[in-house]
Protein backbone atom coordinates (compact mmCIF):
# COMPACT_ATOMS: atom_id res chain seq x y z
CA UNK A 1 -21.31 -15.57 110.20
CA UNK A 2 -23.19 -13.76 112.73
CA UNK A 3 -26.70 -14.12 113.67
CA UNK A 4 -28.32 -11.04 113.68
CA UNK A 5 -31.46 -12.26 115.20
CA UNK A 6 -31.95 -10.40 118.77
CA UNK A 7 -32.19 -13.38 121.24
CA UNK A 8 -35.80 -12.03 123.11
CA UNK A 9 -36.55 -13.65 126.28
CA UNK A 10 -39.87 -13.55 128.20
CA UNK A 11 -38.12 -13.93 131.44
CA UNK A 12 -39.37 -11.58 134.68
CA UNK A 13 -36.74 -8.50 136.04
CA UNK A 14 -38.88 -9.54 139.94
CA UNK A 15 -40.51 -11.92 142.02
CA UNK A 16 -42.59 -11.86 144.97
CA UNK A 17 -43.93 -13.85 147.58
CA UNK A 18 -47.61 -14.18 148.37
CA UNK A 19 -47.29 -15.86 151.52
CA UNK A 20 -44.24 -17.47 152.25
CA UNK A 21 -42.97 -20.99 152.02
CA UNK A 22 -39.39 -22.95 151.09
CA UNK A 23 -40.61 -23.68 148.09
CA UNK A 24 -41.60 -20.58 147.03
CA UNK A 25 -38.60 -18.78 148.98
CA UNK A 26 -36.26 -21.24 146.60
CA UNK A 27 -38.10 -20.12 143.31
CA UNK A 28 -37.98 -16.55 144.33
CA UNK A 29 -34.25 -16.93 144.07
CA UNK A 30 -33.61 -19.53 141.34
CA UNK A 31 -36.32 -16.96 139.16
CA UNK A 32 -34.56 -13.67 139.99
CA UNK A 33 -31.08 -15.36 139.46
CA UNK A 34 -32.30 -16.28 136.27
CA UNK A 35 -33.15 -12.90 135.06
CA UNK A 36 -30.05 -11.91 135.78
CA UNK A 37 -28.32 -14.85 133.97
CA UNK A 38 -30.62 -14.23 130.62
CA UNK A 39 -29.57 -10.60 130.98
CA UNK A 40 -25.89 -10.72 130.68
CA UNK A 41 -26.92 -13.90 128.17
CA UNK A 42 -28.35 -11.27 125.79
CA UNK A 43 -26.00 -8.55 126.42
CA UNK A 44 -22.78 -11.16 125.45
CA UNK A 45 -24.72 -12.54 122.77
CA UNK A 46 -26.08 -9.48 121.08
CA UNK A 47 -22.17 -7.93 121.23
CA UNK A 48 -20.68 -11.28 119.48
CA UNK A 49 -19.31 -10.61 116.43
CA UNK A 50 -18.73 -14.44 115.74
CA UNK A 51 -20.79 -17.78 115.77
CA UNK A 52 -18.64 -18.87 118.46
CA UNK A 53 -18.79 -15.72 120.83
CA UNK A 54 -22.71 -16.05 120.58
CA UNK A 55 -22.06 -20.16 121.61
CA UNK A 56 -19.99 -19.22 124.68
CA UNK A 57 -22.56 -16.40 125.57
CA UNK A 58 -25.41 -19.27 125.95
CA UNK A 59 -22.76 -21.62 127.39
CA UNK A 60 -21.74 -19.04 130.25
CA UNK A 61 -25.78 -18.70 130.88
CA UNK A 62 -25.95 -22.54 130.85
CA UNK A 63 -23.39 -23.26 133.35
CA UNK A 64 -24.60 -20.30 135.65
CA UNK A 65 -28.02 -21.62 135.57
CA UNK A 66 -27.11 -25.09 136.31
CA UNK A 67 -25.33 -24.24 139.53
CA UNK A 68 -28.64 -22.89 141.10
CA UNK A 69 -30.21 -25.25 143.34
CA UNK A 70 -33.33 -25.89 142.23
CA UNK A 71 -33.80 -29.15 144.51
CA UNK A 72 -36.19 -27.10 147.03
CA UNK A 73 -38.59 -25.65 143.97
CA UNK A 74 -41.51 -27.84 143.12
CA UNK A 75 -41.22 -30.62 140.83
CA UNK A 76 -42.92 -29.23 137.89
CA UNK A 77 -40.43 -25.81 138.07
CA UNK A 78 -37.59 -27.82 138.60
CA UNK A 79 -38.86 -29.74 134.89
CA UNK A 80 -39.50 -26.51 133.25
CA UNK A 81 -36.13 -25.13 134.40
CA UNK A 82 -34.28 -27.98 133.02
CA UNK A 83 -36.45 -27.47 129.53
CA UNK A 84 -34.78 -24.10 129.71
CA UNK A 85 -31.50 -25.53 129.77
CA UNK A 86 -31.99 -28.17 127.72
CA UNK A 87 -33.12 -26.02 125.10
CA UNK A 88 -30.16 -23.31 125.44
CA UNK A 89 -27.76 -26.46 125.03
CA UNK A 90 -29.18 -27.46 121.58
CA UNK A 91 -28.56 -23.91 120.82
CA UNK A 92 -25.23 -23.52 121.82
CA UNK A 93 -24.06 -26.92 119.86
CA UNK A 94 -25.97 -25.51 116.64
CA UNK A 95 -24.22 -22.39 116.87
CA UNK A 96 -21.06 -24.37 117.50
CA UNK A 97 -21.67 -26.49 114.33
CA UNK A 98 -22.75 -23.28 112.53
CA UNK A 99 -26.13 -24.51 112.10
CA UNK A 100 -28.09 -21.13 111.71
CA UNK A 101 -31.10 -22.38 110.72
CA UNK A 102 -31.47 -24.48 113.99
CA UNK A 103 -30.28 -22.31 116.15
CA UNK A 104 -32.51 -19.23 114.87
CA UNK A 105 -35.85 -22.37 115.34
CA UNK A 106 -34.30 -23.03 119.16
CA UNK A 107 -34.01 -19.68 120.12
CA UNK A 108 -37.65 -18.93 118.41
CA UNK A 109 -38.77 -21.70 120.82
CA UNK A 110 -36.98 -19.97 124.29
CA UNK A 111 -39.31 -17.73 124.65
CA UNK A 112 -42.16 -20.70 125.02
CA UNK A 113 -39.84 -22.04 127.43
CA UNK A 114 -39.51 -19.66 129.76
CA UNK A 115 -43.37 -18.64 130.08
CA UNK A 116 -44.13 -21.97 130.66
CA UNK A 117 -41.64 -21.45 133.48
CA UNK A 118 -43.06 -18.35 134.25
CA UNK A 119 -46.65 -19.84 134.69
CA UNK A 120 -45.65 -22.72 136.81
CA UNK A 121 -43.93 -19.84 139.02
CA UNK A 122 -47.07 -17.93 139.17
CA UNK A 123 -49.26 -21.20 139.82
CA UNK A 124 -47.20 -21.42 143.07
CA UNK A 125 -47.98 -18.29 144.17
CA UNK A 126 -45.49 -16.06 142.99
CA UNK A 127 -46.01 -12.48 141.30
CA UNK A 128 -43.97 -11.89 138.54
CA UNK A 129 -43.55 -8.70 136.83
CA UNK A 130 -42.52 -8.44 133.02
């Protein structure tokens, strides 16, 4: 059974630096990478016809996120980044177990987690164009 709800996340398309420092540069790289990951995930997810394919779209995004080096990002940004990953892992597991109701509830939380990440990035001087 396919979940018909389209994943709608509120991540950025580009981030820009207001003044330069290593932490901001690390966040810009991470944030722009995440925008690309999220876009690919949404395309794969929406193109999937089976729950397992949707779960794999999310799993692939998780693996890509986990490979991004965020150790030079501020701690609050790292924590919010991990919160997004944790939520997507829960969503992936719900899809794998065919728990559609839980998967939908988790997907509804994703924009909030991503917006928190955006807000934290902005609090550290990044300008986000949505």
